[in-house]
């Protein structure tokens, strides 16, 4: 069950700790905004974690891309951002 009162932004969700963290958080009812650098990783992440995950495709070293991703999170429906 998705807990709409909780949301998290997780970086590096294509592999390793980021991927494991995103999976654990979605299992615990969080909505996860997960960053990846490649579109194919975004598709795989969405397929594996389902509707509780919104992939964000950007590189953390790109300041403009980080700001664009933050804007994308702000534009997401309130319940996806942990707000009602």
N, C-alpha and C. Protein backbone atom coordinates (compact mmCIF):
# COMPACT_ATOMS: atom_id res chain seq x y z
N UNK A 1 0.84 -1.18 0.00
CA UNK A 1 0.00 0.00 0.00
C UNK A 1 0.88 1.24 0.00
N UNK A 2 0.55 2.18 -0.86
CA UNK A 2 1.32 3.40 -0.97
C UNK A 2 0.92 4.36 0.15
N UNK A 3 1.90 4.82 0.91
CA UNK A 3 1.67 5.78 1.98
C UNK A 3 1.86 7.17 1.39
N UNK A 4 0.77 7.84 1.06
CA UNK A 4 0.85 9.13 0.39
C UNK A 4 1.39 10.24 1.29
N UNK A 5 1.59 9.96 2.56
CA UNK A 5 2.13 10.97 3.46
C UNK A 5 3.65 10.99 3.42
N UNK A 6 4.26 10.07 2.65
CA UNK A 6 5.71 9.99 2.61
C UNK A 6 6.23 9.96 1.18
N UNK A 7 7.25 10.75 0.96
CA UNK A 7 7.91 10.75 -0.35
C UNK A 7 9.40 10.93 -0.11
N UNK A 8 10.19 10.43 -1.06
CA UNK A 8 11.65 10.56 -0.94
C UNK A 8 12.25 10.77 -2.32
N UNK A 9 13.31 11.56 -2.36
CA UNK A 9 14.12 11.69 -3.56
C UNK A 9 15.38 10.88 -3.31
N UNK A 10 15.66 9.93 -4.20
CA UNK A 10 16.82 9.06 -4.06
C UNK A 10 17.68 9.20 -5.31
N UNK A 11 18.96 9.45 -5.13
CA UNK A 11 19.86 9.57 -6.28
C UNK A 11 20.54 8.24 -6.56
N UNK A 12 20.98 8.08 -7.79
CA UNK A 12 21.72 6.89 -8.18
C UNK A 12 20.91 5.62 -8.11
N UNK A 13 19.67 5.66 -8.58
CA UNK A 13 18.79 4.50 -8.43
C UNK A 13 18.93 3.47 -9.54
N UNK A 14 19.90 3.64 -10.42
CA UNK A 14 20.09 2.62 -11.47
C UNK A 14 20.81 1.39 -10.93
N UNK A 15 21.63 1.55 -9.89
CA UNK A 15 22.38 0.41 -9.33
C UNK A 15 22.68 0.64 -7.85
N UNK A 16 23.23 -0.38 -7.22
CA UNK A 16 23.82 -0.27 -5.90
C UNK A 16 22.89 0.20 -4.79
N UNK A 17 23.47 1.03 -3.90
CA UNK A 17 22.72 1.49 -2.73
C UNK A 17 21.50 2.32 -3.11
N UNK A 18 21.63 3.13 -4.14
CA UNK A 18 20.49 3.94 -4.58
C UNK A 18 19.33 3.07 -5.02
N UNK A 19 19.63 2.04 -5.80
CA UNK A 19 18.59 1.11 -6.28
C UNK A 19 17.97 0.36 -5.10
N UNK A 20 18.80 -0.14 -4.20
CA UNK A 20 18.31 -0.87 -3.03
C UNK A 20 17.46 0.04 -2.14
N UNK A 21 17.90 1.28 -1.97
CA UNK A 21 17.13 2.22 -1.14
C UNK A 21 15.77 2.52 -1.75
N UNK A 22 15.75 2.73 -3.06
CA UNK A 22 14.47 3.00 -3.74
C UNK A 22 13.53 1.82 -3.60
N UNK A 23 14.05 0.61 -3.76
CA UNK A 23 13.22 -0.60 -3.64
C UNK A 23 12.67 -0.74 -2.23
N UNK A 24 13.52 -0.54 -1.23
CA UNK A 24 13.08 -0.67 0.17
C UNK A 24 12.03 0.38 0.50
N UNK A 25 12.27 1.61 0.08
CA UNK A 25 11.31 2.68 0.38
C UNK A 25 9.95 2.42 -0.28
N UNK A 26 9.95 1.97 -1.53
CA UNK A 26 8.66 1.68 -2.17
C UNK A 26 7.97 0.52 -1.48
N UNK A 27 8.73 -0.47 -1.04
CA UNK A 27 8.14 -1.59 -0.30
C UNK A 27 7.51 -1.14 1.01
N UNK A 28 8.05 -0.08 1.58
CA UNK A 28 7.54 0.45 2.85
C UNK A 28 6.48 1.53 2.66
N UNK A 29 6.04 1.71 1.42
CA UNK A 29 4.93 2.61 1.17
C UNK A 29 5.27 4.02 0.76
N UNK A 30 6.53 4.31 0.56
CA UNK A 30 6.94 5.64 0.12
C UNK A 30 6.74 5.79 -1.39
N UNK A 31 6.51 7.02 -1.81
CA UNK A 31 6.62 7.34 -3.22
C UNK A 31 8.05 7.81 -3.42
N UNK A 32 8.74 7.25 -4.41
CA UNK A 32 10.15 7.57 -4.63
C UNK A 32 10.34 8.29 -5.96
N UNK A 33 11.03 9.40 -5.90
CA UNK A 33 11.51 10.09 -7.08
C UNK A 33 12.97 9.66 -7.21
N UNK A 34 13.27 8.83 -8.20
CA UNK A 34 14.60 8.24 -8.30
C UNK A 34 15.39 8.76 -9.49
N UNK A 35 16.60 9.26 -9.22
CA UNK A 35 17.41 9.79 -10.32
C UNK A 35 18.22 8.70 -10.99
N UNK A 36 18.28 8.79 -12.30
CA UNK A 36 19.10 7.93 -13.15
C UNK A 36 19.68 8.81 -14.25
N UNK A 37 20.73 8.35 -14.91
CA UNK A 37 21.32 9.15 -15.97
C UNK A 37 20.86 8.74 -17.37
N UNK A 38 20.29 7.55 -17.49
CA UNK A 38 19.92 7.04 -18.81
C UNK A 38 18.45 6.67 -18.86
N UNK A 39 17.84 6.96 -20.01
CA UNK A 39 16.42 6.67 -20.20
C UNK A 39 16.12 5.18 -20.02
N UNK A 40 17.00 4.32 -20.51
CA UNK A 40 16.75 2.87 -20.37
C UNK A 40 16.72 2.45 -18.89
N UNK A 41 17.53 3.11 -18.05
CA UNK A 41 17.49 2.82 -16.62
C UNK A 41 16.18 3.31 -16.01
N UNK A 42 15.67 4.43 -16.50
CA UNK A 42 14.38 4.96 -16.02
C UNK A 42 13.26 3.97 -16.34
N UNK A 43 13.27 3.43 -17.55
CA UNK A 43 12.24 2.46 -17.94
C UNK A 43 12.31 1.21 -17.09
N UNK A 44 13.52 0.72 -16.86
CA UNK A 44 13.70 -0.48 -16.04
C UNK A 44 13.26 -0.22 -14.58
N UNK A 45 13.63 0.93 -14.05
CA UNK A 45 13.26 1.28 -12.68
C UNK A 45 11.74 1.33 -12.53
N UNK A 46 11.07 1.98 -13.47
CA UNK A 46 9.62 2.10 -13.43
C UNK A 46 8.96 0.73 -13.55
N UNK A 47 9.49 -0.12 -14.42
CA UNK A 47 8.93 -1.46 -14.60
C UNK A 47 9.10 -2.30 -13.33
N UNK A 48 10.22 -2.15 -12.66
CA UNK A 48 10.49 -2.96 -11.47
C UNK A 48 9.79 -2.44 -10.22
N UNK A 49 9.71 -1.13 -10.07
CA UNK A 49 9.16 -0.57 -8.83
C UNK A 49 7.72 -0.10 -8.96
N UNK A 50 7.23 0.03 -10.17
CA UNK A 50 5.83 0.33 -10.40
C UNK A 50 5.42 1.76 -10.14
N UNK A 51 4.13 1.97 -9.86
CA UNK A 51 3.58 3.32 -9.75
C UNK A 51 4.10 4.12 -8.56
N UNK A 52 4.74 3.46 -7.61
CA UNK A 52 5.28 4.18 -6.46
C UNK A 52 6.60 4.87 -6.78
N UNK A 53 7.07 4.72 -8.00
CA UNK A 53 8.35 5.31 -8.38
C UNK A 53 8.21 6.20 -9.60
N UNK A 54 8.77 7.41 -9.51
CA UNK A 54 8.84 8.30 -10.66
C UNK A 54 10.32 8.53 -10.96
N UNK A 55 10.82 7.92 -12.05
CA UNK A 55 12.22 8.14 -12.42
C UNK A 55 12.45 9.58 -12.90
N UNK A 56 13.60 10.10 -12.55
CA UNK A 56 14.03 11.43 -12.99
C UNK A 56 15.35 11.23 -13.73
N UNK A 57 15.38 11.57 -15.00
CA UNK A 57 16.58 11.35 -15.81
C UNK A 57 17.42 12.63 -15.83
N UNK A 58 18.55 12.58 -15.13
CA UNK A 58 19.48 13.71 -15.14
C UNK A 58 20.80 13.29 -14.51
N UNK A 59 21.82 14.11 -14.70
CA UNK A 59 23.14 13.88 -14.13
C UNK A 59 23.35 14.89 -12.99
N UNK A 60 23.71 14.41 -11.82
CA UNK A 60 23.90 15.29 -10.67
C UNK A 60 24.98 16.34 -10.87
N UNK A 61 25.89 16.12 -11.80
CA UNK A 61 26.94 17.10 -12.04
C UNK A 61 26.47 18.27 -12.91
N UNK A 62 25.24 18.19 -13.42
CA UNK A 62 24.67 19.23 -14.27
C UNK A 62 23.68 20.06 -13.45
N UNK A 63 24.14 21.24 -13.02
CA UNK A 63 23.34 22.08 -12.13
C UNK A 63 21.97 22.43 -12.72
N UNK A 64 21.93 22.76 -14.00
CA UNK A 64 20.64 23.08 -14.63
C UNK A 64 19.71 21.88 -14.64
N UNK A 65 20.26 20.70 -14.89
CA UNK A 65 19.45 19.49 -14.89
C UNK A 65 18.91 19.18 -13.49
N UNK A 66 19.70 19.45 -12.47
CA UNK A 66 19.25 19.24 -11.09
C UNK A 66 18.07 20.16 -10.80
N UNK A 67 18.18 21.42 -11.21
CA UNK A 67 17.07 22.37 -10.99
C UNK A 67 15.82 21.95 -11.77
N UNK A 68 16.01 21.45 -12.98
CA UNK A 68 14.88 20.98 -13.78
C UNK A 68 14.21 19.78 -13.12
N UNK A 69 15.00 18.87 -12.56
CA UNK A 69 14.44 17.70 -11.87
C UNK A 69 13.68 18.14 -10.61
N UNK A 70 14.23 19.10 -9.89
CA UNK A 70 13.53 19.62 -8.70
C UNK A 70 12.19 20.23 -9.10
N UNK A 71 12.17 20.93 -10.21
CA UNK A 71 10.91 21.51 -10.70
C UNK A 71 9.93 20.41 -11.08
N UNK A 72 10.44 19.33 -11.65
CA UNK A 72 9.58 18.19 -12.00
C UNK A 72 8.95 17.58 -10.75
N UNK A 73 9.70 17.49 -9.68
CA UNK A 73 9.15 16.97 -8.41
C UNK A 73 8.08 17.93 -7.89
N UNK A 74 8.36 19.23 -7.95
CA UNK A 74 7.38 20.22 -7.47
C UNK A 74 6.09 20.18 -8.28
N UNK A 75 6.18 19.85 -9.58
CA UNK A 75 5.00 19.79 -10.44
C UNK A 75 4.22 18.48 -10.28
N UNK A 76 4.81 17.50 -9.65
CA UNK A 76 4.13 16.21 -9.46
C UNK A 76 2.90 16.43 -8.58
N UNK A 77 1.88 15.60 -8.74
CA UNK A 77 0.69 15.74 -7.89
C UNK A 77 1.07 15.73 -6.41
N UNK A 78 0.32 16.46 -5.63
CA UNK A 78 0.62 16.62 -4.20
C UNK A 78 0.75 15.29 -3.47
N UNK A 79 -0.11 14.33 -3.80
CA UNK A 79 -0.04 13.06 -3.07
C UNK A 79 1.25 12.30 -3.38
N UNK A 80 1.86 12.54 -4.55
CA UNK A 80 3.14 11.91 -4.88
C UNK A 80 4.27 12.55 -4.11
N UNK A 81 4.09 13.79 -3.69
CA UNK A 81 5.12 14.53 -2.96
C UNK A 81 4.95 14.42 -1.46
N UNK A 82 4.05 13.56 -1.01
CA UNK A 82 3.85 13.41 0.42
C UNK A 82 2.98 14.50 1.01
N UNK A 83 2.21 15.17 0.18
CA UNK A 83 1.32 16.22 0.65
C UNK A 83 -0.11 15.84 0.30
N UNK A 84 -1.02 16.32 1.06
CA UNK A 84 -2.43 16.04 0.79
C UNK A 84 -3.17 17.29 0.44
